[in-house]
Structures are given as structure tokens and as C-alpha cells.
Amino acid sequence: MPALYDRVLVAVDTASSWVVMAAMAVLTVVITVQVFFRYVLNESLDWGWDVPRLCFIVAVLLAIPLALGRNLHVGVDLVIDLLQVGPRRVVHRINAVLMAALMLLVAYDAVVLARAT
């Protein structure tokens, strides 16, 4: 069963990577076309801001778990690298608890906002 889980996870990660790359490509092309239309043709595309915004949201939401899973996220670890293994683990655990609390807070606010709208 773990082998099947790993294969499915790799397939989902691969598909997510391709979707992120496609979303960034579409975002880049549409913004370039929008700039051309606006500054060269003095026109504007009606959908020139909506499509890149959606592509950016998709790319960010799919890239975050990919980066975390591959340990590619941006972090400042200057002080953490100076700590020994024991205190470093404590700091990482505290960080994980704080991040989980932040995610719960964001999820709660999202539910409140969804109900309000």
C-alpha cells in the first residue's frame, strides 16, 4: 500500500508541476499581450487582468505544497544554523505549531468570509 501511495503522490506532484508551469506561461503571455495592446495599439483586453490573476492564484496555491515537499521554500535560517540539534528541533516544533495555528485561523476566517458573502 505505501508503494501505491508513493506512486500516486509522485503522479500528483508531477501533474501539479506541469499545471504550475502552464499557469506561469499563460500569465506571462497574457500580460505581455496586454502590455502590447495597451501601449502599442492603445486598446485594452477585457480579460487581460482576470486571466493572469487566476493563473497567479493557481500557480501559488499549487507551488506552495510542491516547494514544502521538496524543501525549496524560502526561509531565513541564519540563527537556526547556529543552534545545536536539540534546540533546533525545539524551534522547528514550535514553528510547526505556530504555522498550524495560523492555518487554522486562516481557515476559520475563510469560513466566516464565505458565510458572509
PDB file of N, CA and C in Angstrom:
ATOM      1  N   MET A   1       0.802  -1.207   0.000  1.00  0.00           N
ATOM      2  CA  MET A   1       0.000   0.000   0.000  1.00  0.00           C
ATOM      3  C   MET A   1       0.848   1.276   0.000  1.00  0.00           C
ATOM      4  N   PRO A   2       1.946   1.342   0.789  1.00  0.00           N
ATOM      5  CA  PRO A   2       2.768   2.555   0.739  1.00  0.00           C
ATOM      6  C   PRO A   2       3.370   2.804  -0.646  1.00  0.00           C
ATOM      7  N   ALA A   3       3.695   1.747  -1.377  1.00  0.00           N
ATOM      8  CA  ALA A   3       4.257   1.932  -2.716  1.00  0.00           C
ATOM      9  C   ALA A   3       3.229   2.575  -3.639  1.00  0.00           C
ATOM     10  N   LEU A   4       1.973   2.154  -3.539  1.00  0.00           N
ATOM     11  CA  LEU A   4       0.906   2.758  -4.340  1.00  0.00           C
ATOM     12  C   LEU A   4       0.725   4.221  -3.961  1.00  0.00           C
ATOM     13  N   TYR A   5       0.744   4.502  -2.660  1.00  0.00           N
ATOM     14  CA  TYR A   5       0.617   5.882  -2.181  1.00  0.00           C
ATOM     15  C   TYR A   5       1.743   6.749  -2.738  1.00  0.00           C
ATOM     16  N   ASP A   6       2.966   6.229  -2.711  1.00  0.00           N
ATOM     17  CA  ASP A   6       4.114   6.987  -3.214  1.00  0.00           C
ATOM     18  C   ASP A   6       3.983   7.254  -4.710  1.00  0.00           C
ATOM     19  N   ARG A   7       3.528   6.247  -5.464  1.00  0.00           N
ATOM     20  CA  ARG A   7       3.354   6.438  -6.907  1.00  0.00           C
ATOM     21  C   ARG A   7       2.271   7.474  -7.194  1.00  0.00           C
ATOM     22  N   VAL A   8       1.175   7.421  -6.456  1.00  0.00           N
ATOM     23  CA  VAL A   8       0.099   8.396  -6.641  1.00  0.00           C
ATOM     24  C   VAL A   8       0.596   9.795  -6.276  1.00  0.00           C
ATOM     25  N   LEU A   9       1.345   9.898  -5.187  1.00  0.00           N
ATOM     26  CA  LEU A   9       1.870  11.189  -4.763  1.00  0.00           C
ATOM     27  C   LEU A   9       2.830  11.761  -5.800  1.00  0.00           C
ATOM     28  N   VAL A  10       3.682  10.937  -6.362  1.00  0.00           N
ATOM     29  CA  VAL A  10       4.602  11.396  -7.406  1.00  0.00           C
ATOM     30  C   VAL A  10       3.818  11.849  -8.638  1.00  0.00           C
ATOM     31  N   ALA A  11       2.775  11.112  -8.994  1.00  0.00           N
ATOM     32  CA  ALA A  11       1.959  11.495 -10.145  1.00  0.00           C
ATOM     33  C   ALA A  11       1.248  12.824  -9.908  1.00  0.00           C
ATOM     34  N   VAL A  12       0.714  13.012  -8.716  1.00  0.00           N
ATOM     35  CA  VAL A  12       0.034  14.277  -8.390  1.00  0.00           C
ATOM     36  C   VAL A  12       1.035  15.427  -8.380  1.00  0.00           C
ATOM     37  N   ASP A  13       2.209  15.203  -7.808  1.00  0.00           N
ATOM     38  CA  ASP A  13       3.242  16.244  -7.802  1.00  0.00           C
ATOM     39  C   ASP A  13       3.685  16.600  -9.217  1.00  0.00           C
ATOM     40  N   THR A  14       3.840  15.594 -10.066  1.00  0.00           N
ATOM     41  CA  THR A  14       4.234  15.843 -11.446  1.00  0.00           C
ATOM     42  C   THR A  14       3.161  16.635 -12.178  1.00  0.00           C
ATOM     43  N   ALA A  15       1.912  16.229 -12.015  1.00  0.00           N
ATOM     44  CA  ALA A  15       0.807  16.956 -12.655  1.00  0.00           C
ATOM     45  C   ALA A  15       0.729  18.386 -12.136  1.00  0.00           C
ATOM     46  N   SER A  16       0.900  18.554 -10.830  1.00  0.00           N
ATOM     47  CA  SER A  16       0.874  19.902 -10.245  1.00  0.00           C
ATOM     48  C   SER A  16       2.004  20.757 -10.807  1.00  0.00           C
ATOM     49  N   SER A  17       3.168  20.173 -10.971  1.00  0.00           N
ATOM     50  CA  SER A  17       4.302  20.916 -11.525  1.00  0.00           C
ATOM     51  C   SER A  17       4.000  21.398 -12.937  1.00  0.00           C
ATOM     52  N   TRP A  18       3.406  20.543 -13.739  1.00  0.00           N
ATOM     53  CA  TRP A  18       3.052  20.934 -15.107  1.00  0.00           C
ATOM     54  C   TRP A  18       1.979  22.010 -15.126  1.00  0.00           C
ATOM     55  N   VAL A  19       1.024  21.919 -14.219  1.00  0.00           N
ATOM     56  CA  VAL A  19      -0.023  22.940 -14.145  1.00  0.00           C
ATOM     57  C   VAL A  19       0.574  24.283 -13.721  1.00  0.00           C
ATOM     58  N   VAL A  20       1.504  24.259 -12.762  1.00  0.00           N
ATOM     59  CA  VAL A  20       2.159  25.498 -12.331  1.00  0.00           C
ATOM     60  C   VAL A  20       2.939  26.116 -13.496  1.00  0.00           C
ATOM     61  N   MET A  21       3.676  25.296 -14.226  1.00  0.00           N
ATOM     62  CA  MET A  21       4.435  25.818 -15.365  1.00  0.00           C
ATOM     63  C   MET A  21       3.511  26.377 -16.441  1.00  0.00           C
ATOM     64  N   ALA A  22       2.412  25.694 -16.707  1.00  0.00           N
ATOM     65  CA  ALA A  22       1.454  26.177 -17.710  1.00  0.00           C
ATOM     66  C   ALA A  22       0.806  27.477 -17.253  1.00  0.00           C
ATOM     67  N   ALA A  23       0.434  27.547 -15.980  1.00  0.00           N
ATOM     68  CA  ALA A  23      -0.188  28.766 -15.463  1.00  0.00           C
ATOM     69  C   ALA A  23       0.772  29.950 -15.553  1.00  0.00           C
ATOM     70  N   MET A  24       2.040  29.731 -15.227  1.00  0.00           N
ATOM     71  CA  MET A  24       3.014  30.824 -15.318  1.00  0.00           C
ATOM     72  C   MET A  24       3.261  31.228 -16.773  1.00  0.00           C
ATOM     73  N   ALA A  25       3.249  30.255 -17.681  1.00  0.00           N
ATOM     74  CA  ALA A  25       3.422  30.575 -19.099  1.00  0.00           C
ATOM     75  C   ALA A  25       2.241  31.394 -19.611  1.00  0.00           C
ATOM     76  N   VAL A  26       1.030  30.977 -19.272  1.00  0.00           N
ATOM     77  CA  VAL A  26      -0.164  31.721 -19.700  1.00  0.00           C
ATOM     78  C   VAL A  26      -0.145  33.118 -19.101  1.00  0.00           C
ATOM     79  N   LEU A  27       0.199  33.217 -17.824  1.00  0.00           N
ATOM     80  CA  LEU A  27       0.286  34.512 -17.157  1.00  0.00           C
ATOM     81  C   LEU A  27       1.251  35.436 -17.889  1.00  0.00           C
ATOM     82  N   THR A  28       2.424  34.925 -18.217  1.00  0.00           N
ATOM     83  CA  THR A  28       3.438  35.730 -18.892  1.00  0.00           C
ATOM     84  C   THR A  28       2.976  36.171 -20.279  1.00  0.00           C
ATOM     85  N   VAL A  29       2.411  35.255 -21.034  1.00  0.00           N
ATOM     86  CA  VAL A  29       1.962  35.587 -22.394  1.00  0.00           C
ATOM     87  C   VAL A  29       0.828  36.606 -22.366  1.00  0.00           C
ATOM     88  N   VAL A  30      -0.144  36.396 -21.494  1.00  0.00           N
ATOM     89  CA  VAL A  30      -1.296  37.300 -21.463  1.00  0.00           C
ATOM     90  C   VAL A  30      -0.880  38.700 -21.004  1.00  0.00           C
ATOM     91  N   ILE A  31      -0.003  38.784 -20.022  1.00  0.00           N
ATOM     92  CA  ILE A  31       0.448  40.114 -19.577  1.00  0.00           C
ATOM     93  C   ILE A  31       1.251  40.801 -20.674  1.00  0.00           C
ATOM     94  N   THR A  32       2.079  40.043 -21.387  1.00  0.00           N
ATOM     95  CA  THR A  32       2.842  40.615 -22.495  1.00  0.00           C
ATOM     96  C   THR A  32       1.907  41.126 -23.589  1.00  0.00           C
ATOM     97  N   VAL A  33       0.919  40.331 -23.928  1.00  0.00           N
ATOM     98  CA  VAL A  33      -0.065  40.748 -24.949  1.00  0.00           C
ATOM     99  C   VAL A  33      -0.839  41.969 -24.459  1.00  0.00           C
ATOM    100  N   GLN A  34      -1.205  41.976 -23.180  1.00  0.00           N
ATOM    101  CA  GLN A  34      -1.935  43.115 -22.615  1.00  0.00           C
ATOM    102  C   GLN A  34      -1.100  44.394 -22.688  1.00  0.00           C
ATOM    103  N   VAL A  35       0.182  44.289 -22.365  1.00  0.00           N
ATOM    104  CA  VAL A  35       1.063  45.462 -22.455  1.00  0.00           C
ATOM    105  C   VAL A  35       1.168  45.922 -23.898  1.00  0.00           C
ATOM    106  N   PHE A  36       1.323  44.994 -24.838  1.00  0.00           N
ATOM    107  CA  PHE A  36       1.388  45.354 -26.257  1.00  0.00           C
ATOM    108  C   PHE A  36       0.113  46.063 -26.694  1.00  0.00           C
ATOM    109  N   PHE A  37      -1.027  45.491 -26.343  1.00  0.00           N
ATOM    110  CA  PHE A  37      -2.299  46.100 -26.730  1.00  0.00           C
ATOM    111  C   PHE A  37      -2.444  47.497 -26.128  1.00  0.00           C
ATOM    112  N   ARG A  38      -2.069  47.623 -24.869  1.00  0.00           N
ATOM    113  CA  ARG A  38      -2.295  48.899 -24.190  1.00  0.00           C
ATOM    114  C   ARG A  38      -1.364  49.995 -24.693  1.00  0.00           C
ATOM    115  N   TYR A  39      -0.081  49.695 -24.862  1.00  0.00           N
ATOM    116  CA  TYR A  39       0.875  50.750 -25.176  1.00  0.00           C
ATOM    117  C   TYR A  39       1.169  50.908 -26.662  1.00  0.00           C
ATOM    118  N   VAL A  40       0.916  49.886 -27.458  1.00  0.00           N
ATOM    119  CA  VAL A  40       1.167  49.998 -28.892  1.00  0.00           C
ATOM    120  C   VAL A  40      -0.133  50.282 -29.644  1.00  0.00           C
ATOM    121  N   LEU A  41      -1.175  49.522 -29.352  1.00  0.00           N
ATOM    122  CA  LEU A  41      -2.448  49.672 -30.065  1.00  0.00           C
ATOM    123  C   LEU A  41      -3.425  50.602 -29.359  1.00  0.00           C
ATOM    124  N   ASN A  42      -3.076  51.051 -28.171  1.00  0.00           N
ATOM    125  CA  ASN A  42      -3.936  51.927 -27.377  1.00  0.00           C
ATOM    126  C   ASN A  42      -5.318  51.315 -27.138  1.00  0.00           C
ATOM    127  N   GLU A  43      -5.345  50.029 -26.964  1.00  0.00           N
ATOM    128  CA  GLU A  43      -6.560  49.275 -26.657  1.00  0.00           C
ATOM    129  C   GLU A  43      -6.298  48.478 -25.382  1.00  0.00           C
ATOM    130  N   SER A  44      -7.341  47.839 -24.900  1.00  0.00           N
ATOM    131  CA  SER A  44      -7.171  47.012 -23.718  1.00  0.00           C
ATOM    132  C   SER A  44      -7.992  45.745 -23.874  1.00  0.00           C
ATOM    133  N   LEU A  45      -7.416  44.636 -23.433  1.00  0.00           N
ATOM    134  CA  LEU A  45      -8.161  43.382 -23.446  1.00  0.00           C
ATOM    135  C   LEU A  45      -9.106  43.356 -22.251  1.00  0.00           C
ATOM    136  N   ASP A  46     -10.344  42.960 -22.477  1.00  0.00           N
ATOM    137  CA  ASP A  46     -11.308  42.897 -21.378  1.00  0.00           C
ATOM    138  C   ASP A  46     -10.889  41.879 -20.325  1.00  0.00           C
ATOM    139  N   TRP A  47     -10.275  40.798 -20.750  1.00  0.00           N
ATOM    140  CA  TRP A  47      -9.901  39.713 -19.851  1.00  0.00           C
ATOM    141  C   TRP A  47      -8.411  39.758 -19.511  1.00  0.00           C
ATOM    142  N   GLY A  48      -7.746  40.841 -19.826  1.00  0.00           N
ATOM    143  CA  GLY A  48      -6.294  40.950 -19.676  1.00  0.00           C
ATOM    144  C   GLY A  48      -5.792  40.958 -18.250  1.00  0.00           C
ATOM    145  N   TRP A  49      -6.661  41.226 -17.291  1.00  0.00           N
ATOM    146  CA  TRP A  49      -6.228  41.198 -15.894  1.00  0.00           C
ATOM    147  C   TRP A  49      -6.808  40.008 -15.159  1.00  0.00           C
ATOM    148  N   ASP A  50      -7.942  39.512 -15.610  1.00  0.00           N
ATOM    149  CA  ASP A  50      -8.585  38.390 -14.915  1.00  0.00           C
ATOM    150  C   ASP A  50      -7.830  37.077 -15.097  1.00  0.00           C
ATOM    151  N   VAL A  51      -7.431  36.788 -16.327  1.00  0.00           N
ATOM    152  CA  VAL A  51      -6.732  35.527 -16.598  1.00  0.00           C
ATOM    153  C   VAL A  51      -5.390  35.462 -15.872  1.00  0.00           C
ATOM    154  N   PRO A  52      -4.552  36.500 -15.934  1.00  0.00           N
ATOM    155  CA  PRO A  52      -3.294  36.417 -15.169  1.00  0.00           C
ATOM    156  C   PRO A  52      -3.517  36.297 -13.663  1.00  0.00           C
ATOM    157  N   ARG A  53      -4.537  36.964 -13.154  1.00  0.00           N
ATOM    158  CA  ARG A  53      -4.814  36.872 -11.716  1.00  0.00           C
ATOM    159  C   ARG A  53      -5.167  35.433 -11.338  1.00  0.00           C
ATOM    160  N   LEU A  54      -6.031  34.803 -12.123  1.00  0.00           N
ATOM    161  CA  LEU A  54      -6.392  33.413 -11.849  1.00  0.00           C
ATOM    162  C   LEU A  54      -5.193  32.483 -12.008  1.00  0.00           C
ATOM    163  N   CYS A  55      -4.385  32.715 -13.028  1.00  0.00           N
ATOM    164  CA  CYS A  55      -3.184  31.896 -13.223  1.00  0.00           C
ATOM    165  C   CYS A  55      -2.217  32.047 -12.052  1.00  0.00           C
ATOM    166  N   PHE A  56      -2.079  33.269 -11.554  1.00  0.00           N
ATOM    167  CA  PHE A  56      -1.192  33.500 -10.426  1.00  0.00           C
ATOM    168  C   PHE A  56      -1.696  32.774  -9.184  1.00  0.00           C
ATOM    169  N   ILE A  57      -2.995  32.838  -8.942  1.00  0.00           N
ATOM    170  CA  ILE A  57      -3.570  32.159  -7.776  1.00  0.00           C
ATOM    171  C   ILE A  57      -3.355  30.654  -7.885  1.00  0.00           C
ATOM    172  N   VAL A  58      -3.629  30.090  -9.058  1.00  0.00           N
ATOM    173  CA  VAL A  58      -3.441  28.647  -9.261  1.00  0.00           C
ATOM    174  C   VAL A  58      -1.978  28.274  -9.057  1.00  0.00           C
ATOM    175  N   ALA A  59      -1.077  29.058  -9.645  1.00  0.00           N
ATOM    176  CA  ALA A  59       0.351  28.748  -9.538  1.00  0.00           C
ATOM    177  C   ALA A  59       0.823  28.796  -8.090  1.00  0.00           C
ATOM    178  N   VAL A  60       0.408  29.804  -7.357  1.00  0.00           N
ATOM    179  CA  VAL A  60       0.852  29.931  -5.966  1.00  0.00           C
ATOM    180  C   VAL A  60       0.285  28.802  -5.113  1.00  0.00           C
ATOM    181  N   LEU A  61      -1.015  28.545  -5.260  1.00  0.00           N
ATOM    182  CA  LEU A  61      -1.633  27.515  -4.424  1.00  0.00           C
ATOM    183  C   LEU A  61      -1.087  26.118  -4.705  1.00  0.00           C
ATOM    184  N   LEU A  62      -0.697  25.854  -5.932  1.00  0.00           N
ATOM    185  CA  LEU A  62      -0.116  24.544  -6.238  1.00  0.00           C
ATOM    186  C   LEU A  62       1.382  24.490  -5.972  1.00  0.00           C
ATOM    187  N   ALA A  63       2.065  25.623  -6.058  1.00  0.00           N
ATOM    188  CA  ALA A  63       3.511  25.622  -5.868  1.00  0.00           C
ATOM    189  C   ALA A  63       3.904  25.549  -4.396  1.00  0.00           C
ATOM    190  N   ILE A  64       3.058  26.043  -3.511  1.00  0.00           N
ATOM    191  CA  ILE A  64       3.402  26.019  -2.080  1.00  0.00           C
ATOM    192  C   ILE A  64       3.630  24.594  -1.580  1.00  0.00           C
ATOM    193  N   PRO A  65       2.680  23.656  -1.786  1.00  0.00           N
ATOM    194  CA  PRO A  65       2.957  22.297  -1.300  1.00  0.00           C
ATOM    195  C   PRO A  65       4.118  21.626  -2.033  1.00  0.00           C
ATOM    196  N   LEU A  66       4.312  21.951  -3.306  1.00  0.00           N
ATOM    197  CA  LEU A  66       5.454  21.390  -4.029  1.00  0.00           C
ATOM    198  C   LEU A  66       6.765  21.867  -3.405  1.00  0.00           C
ATOM    199  N   ALA A  67       6.846  23.155  -3.103  1.00  0.00           N
ATOM    200  CA  ALA A  67       8.070  23.696  -2.512  1.00  0.00           C
ATOM    201  C   ALA A  67       8.305  23.135  -1.115  1.00  0.00           C
ATOM    202  N   LEU A  68       7.253  23.031  -0.334  1.00  0.00           N
ATOM    203  CA  LEU A  68       7.416  22.494   1.016  1.00  0.00           C
ATOM    204  C   LEU A  68       7.830  21.029   0.985  1.00  0.00           C
ATOM    205  N   GLY A  69       7.241  20.270   0.083  1.00  0.00           N
ATOM    206  CA  GLY A  69       7.574  18.851  -0.019  1.00  0.00           C
ATOM    207  C   GLY A  69       9.001  18.607  -0.475  1.00  0.00           C
ATOM    208  N   ARG A  70       9.542  19.529  -1.245  1.00  0.00           N
ATOM    209  CA  ARG A  70      10.914  19.395  -1.748  1.00  0.00           C
ATOM    210  C   ARG A  70      11.902  20.233  -0.948  1.00  0.00           C
ATOM    211  N   ASN A  71      11.422  20.850   0.126  1.00  0.00           N
ATOM    212  CA  ASN A  71      12.242  21.700   0.987  1.00  0.00           C
ATOM    213  C   ASN A  71      12.872  22.844   0.199  1.00  0.00           C
ATOM    214  N   LEU A  72      12.091  23.452  -0.681  1.00  0.00           N
ATOM    215  CA  LEU A  72      12.566  24.548  -1.510  1.00  0.00           C
ATOM    216  C   LEU A  72      11.959  25.891  -1.111  1.00  0.00           C
ATOM    217  N   HIS A  73      11.238  25.927  -0.014  1.00  0.00           N
ATOM    218  CA  HIS A  73      10.601  27.168   0.392  1.00  0.00           C
ATOM    219  C   HIS A  73      11.647  28.163   0.883  1.00  0.00           C
ATOM    220  N   VAL A  74      11.275  29.418   0.823  1.00  0.00           N
ATOM    221  CA  VAL A  74      12.176  30.477   1.240  1.00  0.00           C
ATOM    222  C   VAL A  74      12.149  30.560   2.757  1.00  0.00           C
ATOM    223  N   GLY A  75      13.298  30.628   3.339  1.00  0.00           N
ATOM    224  CA  GLY A  75      13.370  30.741   4.788  1.00  0.00           C
ATOM    225  C   GLY A  75      14.668  31.396   5.202  1.00  0.00           C
ATOM    226  N   VAL A  76      14.641  32.027   6.345  1.00  0.00           N
ATOM    227  CA  VAL A  76      15.841  32.632   6.898  1.00  0.00           C
ATOM    228  C   VAL A  76      16.280  31.740   8.049  1.00  0.00           C
ATOM    229  N   ASP A  77      17.380  31.069   7.878  1.00  0.00           N
ATOM    230  CA  ASP A  77      17.822  30.116   8.891  1.00  0.00           C
ATOM    231  C   ASP A  77      19.207  30.461   9.433  1.00  0.00           C
ATOM    232  N   LEU A  78      19.544  31.727   9.409  1.00  0.00           N
ATOM    233  CA  LEU A  78      20.844  32.167   9.889  1.00  0.00           C
ATOM    234  C   LEU A  78      21.025  31.825  11.370  1.00  0.00           C
ATOM    235  N   VAL A  79      20.017  32.131  12.186  1.00  0.00           N
ATOM    236  CA  VAL A  79      20.108  31.862  13.619  1.00  0.00           C
ATOM    237  C   VAL A  79      19.929  30.374  13.893  1.00  0.00           C
ATOM    238  N   ILE A  80      19.023  29.730  13.165  1.00  0.00           N
ATOM    239  CA  ILE A  80      18.748  28.303  13.372  1.00  0.00           C
ATOM    240  C   ILE A  80      20.004  27.471  13.110  1.00  0.00           C
ATOM    241  N   ASP A  81      20.783  27.846  12.109  1.00  0.00           N
ATOM    242  CA  ASP A  81      22.001  27.095  11.795  1.00  0.00           C
ATOM    243  C   ASP A  81      23.038  27.185  12.908  1.00  0.00           C
ATOM    244  N   LEU A  82      22.956  28.209  13.734  1.00  0.00           N
ATOM    245  CA  LEU A  82      23.911  28.357  14.826  1.00  0.00           C
ATOM    246  C   LEU A  82      23.551  27.475  16.023  1.00  0.00           C
ATOM    247  N   LEU A  83      22.311  26.991  16.082  1.00  0.00           N
ATOM    248  CA  LEU A  83      21.871  26.170  17.217  1.00  0.00           C
ATOM    249  C   LEU A  83      22.330  24.726  17.056  1.00  0.00           C
ATOM    250  N   GLN A  84      22.424  24.044  18.188  1.00  0.00           N
ATOM    251  CA  GLN A  84      22.727  22.619  18.146  1.00  0.00           C
ATOM    252  C   GLN A  84      21.459  21.860  17.777  1.00  0.00           C
ATOM    253  N   VAL A  85      21.586  20.564  17.570  1.00  0.00           N
ATOM    254  CA  VAL A  85      20.477  19.754  17.062  1.00  0.00           C
ATOM    255  C   VAL A  85      19.266  19.788  17.995  1.00  0.00           C
ATOM    256  N   GLY A  86      19.450  19.658  19.286  1.00  0.00           N
ATOM    257  CA  GLY A  86      18.330  19.627  20.232  1.00  0.00           C
ATOM    258  C   GLY A  86      17.497  20.904  20.217  1.00  0.00           C
ATOM    259  N   PRO A  87      18.127  22.060  20.457  1.00  0.00           N
ATOM    260  CA  PRO A  87      17.359  23.305  20.408  1.00  0.00           C
ATOM    261  C   PRO A  87      16.773  23.594  19.026  1.00  0.00           C
ATOM    262  N   ARG A  88      17.465  23.160  17.981  1.00  0.00           N
ATOM    263  CA  ARG A  88      16.958  23.366  16.625  1.00  0.00           C
ATOM    264  C   ARG A  88      15.646  22.612  16.433  1.00  0.00           C
ATOM    265  N   ARG A  89      15.570  21.386  16.942  1.00  0.00           N
ATOM    266  CA  ARG A  89      14.330  20.602  16.849  1.00  0.00           C
ATOM    267  C   ARG A  89      13.200  21.284  17.602  1.00  0.00           C
ATOM    268  N   VAL A  90      13.527  21.827  18.778  1.00  0.00           N
ATOM    269  CA  VAL A  90      12.503  22.535  19.564  1.00  0.00           C
ATOM    270  C   VAL A  90      11.974  23.735  18.776  1.00  0.00           C
ATOM    271  N   VAL A  91      12.872  24.501  18.180  1.00  0.00           N
ATOM    272  CA  VAL A  91      12.450  25.663  17.391  1.00  0.00           C
ATOM    273  C   VAL A  91      11.592  25.226  16.208  1.00  0.00           C
ATOM    274  N   HIS A  92      11.978  24.138  15.540  1.00  0.00           N
ATOM    275  CA  HIS A  92      11.191  23.650  14.403  1.00  0.00           C
ATOM    276  C   HIS A  92       9.801  23.187  14.850  1.00  0.00           C
ATOM    277  N   ARG A  93       9.722  22.547  15.998  1.00  0.00           N
ATOM    278  CA  ARG A  93       8.417  22.097  16.500  1.00  0.00           C
ATOM    279  C   ARG A  93       7.539  23.281  16.887  1.00  0.00           C
ATOM    280  N   ILE A  94       8.122  24.260  17.541  1.00  0.00           N
ATOM    281  CA  ILE A  94       7.353  25.470  17.885  1.00  0.00           C
ATOM    282  C   ILE A  94       6.872  26.155  16.610  1.00  0.00           C
ATOM    283  N   ASN A  95       7.733  26.227  15.618  1.00  0.00           N
ATOM    284  CA  ASN A  95       7.364  26.820  14.334  1.00  0.00           C
ATOM    285  C   ASN A  95       6.215  26.050  13.694  1.00  0.00           C
ATOM    286  N   ALA A  96       6.275  24.723  13.747  1.00  0.00           N
ATOM    287  CA  ALA A  96       5.201  23.912  13.158  1.00  0.00           C
ATOM    288  C   ALA A  96       3.872  24.150  13.878  1.00  0.00           C
ATOM    289  N   VAL A  97       3.914  24.252  15.191  1.00  0.00           N
ATOM    290  CA  VAL A  97       2.687  24.519  15.960  1.00  0.00           C
ATOM    291  C   VAL A  97       2.136  25.900  15.613  1.00  0.00           C
ATOM    292  N   LEU A  98       3.001  26.893  15.529  1.00  0.00           N
ATOM    293  CA  LEU A  98       2.550  28.242  15.186  1.00  0.00           C
ATOM    294  C   LEU A  98       1.981  28.290  13.765  1.00  0.00           C
ATOM    295  N   MET A  99       2.597  27.577  12.829  1.00  0.00           N
ATOM    296  CA  MET A  99       2.080  27.539  11.461  1.00  0.00           C
ATOM    297  C   MET A  99       0.725  26.838  11.398  1.00  0.00           C
ATOM    298  N   ALA A 100       0.570  25.769  12.173  1.00  0.00           N
ATOM    299  CA  ALA A 100      -0.725  25.083  12.218  1.00  0.00           C
ATOM    300  C   ALA A 100      -1.793  26.008  12.794  1.00  0.00           C
ATOM    301  N   ALA A 101      -1.437  26.764  13.844  1.00  0.00           N
ATOM    302  CA  ALA A 101      -2.396  27.716  14.424  1.00  0.00           C
ATOM    303  C   ALA A 101      -2.752  28.798  13.416  1.00  0.00           C
ATOM    304  N   LEU A 102      -1.778  29.265  12.662  1.00  0.00           N
ATOM    305  CA  LEU A 102      -2.048  30.271  11.635  1.00  0.00           C
ATOM    306  C   LEU A 102      -2.963  29.710  10.550  1.00  0.00           C
ATOM    307  N   MET A 103      -2.717  28.473  10.135  1.00  0.00           N
ATOM    308  CA  MET A 103      -3.575  27.851   9.117  1.00  0.00           C
ATOM    309  C   MET A 103      -5.004  27.693   9.615  1.00  0.00           C
ATOM    310  N   LEU A 104      -5.154  27.317  10.879  1.00  0.00           N
ATOM    311  CA  LEU A 104      -6.494  27.206  11.452  1.00  0.00           C
ATOM    312  C   LEU A 104      -7.184  28.564  11.500  1.00  0.00           C
ATOM    313  N   LEU A 105      -6.454  29.597  11.851  1.00  0.00           N
ATOM    314  CA  LEU A 105      -7.016  30.940  11.879  1.00  0.00           C
ATOM    315  C   LEU A 105      -7.445  31.389  10.487  1.00  0.00           C
ATOM    316  N   VAL A 106      -6.612  31.133   9.496  1.00  0.00           N
ATOM    317  CA  VAL A 106      -6.955  31.492   8.119  1.00  0.00           C
ATOM    318  C   VAL A 106      -8.165  30.695   7.646  1.00  0.00           C
ATOM    319  N   ALA A 107      -8.205  29.407   7.970  1.00  0.00           N
ATOM    320  CA  ALA A 107      -9.358  28.586   7.580  1.00  0.00           C
ATOM    321  C   ALA A 107     -10.632  29.098   8.247  1.00  0.00           C
ATOM    322  N   TYR A 108     -10.552  29.450   9.523  1.00  0.00           N
ATOM    323  CA  TYR A 108     -11.715  29.985  10.231  1.00  0.00           C
ATOM    324  C   TYR A 108     -12.190  31.289   9.583  1.00  0.00           C
ATOM    325  N   ASP A 109     -11.254  32.208   9.318  1.00  0.00           N
ATOM    326  CA  ASP A 109     -11.622  33.462   8.679  1.00  0.00           C
ATOM    327  C   ASP A 109     -12.195  33.241   7.282  1.00  0.00           C
ATOM    328  N   ALA A 110     -11.683  32.236   6.562  1.00  0.00           N
ATOM    329  CA  ALA A 110     -12.221  31.935   5.232  1.00  0.00           C
ATOM    330  C   ALA A 110     -13.667  31.459   5.328  1.00  0.00           C
ATOM    331  N   VAL A 111     -13.968  30.644   6.328  1.00  0.00           N
ATOM    332  CA  VAL A 111     -15.346  30.171   6.519  1.00  0.00           C
ATOM    333  C   VAL A 111     -16.250  31.337   6.889  1.00  0.00           C
ATOM    334  N   VAL A 112     -15.793  32.203   7.784  1.00  0.00           N
ATOM    335  CA  VAL A 112     -16.587  33.376   8.176  1.00  0.00           C
ATOM    336  C   VAL A 112     -16.831  34.263   6.970  1.00  0.00           C
ATOM    337  N   LEU A 113     -15.809  34.501   6.167  1.00  0.00           N
ATOM    338  CA  LEU A 113     -15.962  35.329   4.986  1.00  0.00           C
ATOM    339  C   LEU A 113     -16.873  34.685   3.955  1.00  0.00           C
ATOM    340  N   ALA A 114     -16.742  33.377   3.783  1.00  0.00           N
ATOM    341  CA  ALA A 114     -17.602  32.673   2.821  1.00  0.00           C
ATOM    342  C   ALA A 114     -19.069  32.746   3.249  1.00  0.00           C
ATOM    343  N   ARG A 115     -19.330  32.611   4.530  1.00  0.00           N
ATOM    344  CA  ARG A 115     -20.708  32.715   5.013  1.00  0.00           C
ATOM    345  C   ARG A 115     -21.258  34.121   4.839  1.00  0.00           C
ATOM    346  N   ALA A 116     -20.408  35.119   5.025  1.00  0.00           N
ATOM    347  CA  ALA A 116     -20.850  36.498   4.911  1.00  0.00           C
ATOM    348  C   ALA A 116     -21.155  36.900   3.481  1.00  0.00           C
ATOM    349  N   THR A 117     -20.495  36.243   2.544  1.00  0.00           N
ATOM    350  CA  THR A 117     -20.730  36.599   1.155  1.00  0.00           C
ATOM    351  C   THR A 117     -21.561  35.563   0.469  1.00  0.00           C
TER     352      THR A 117
END
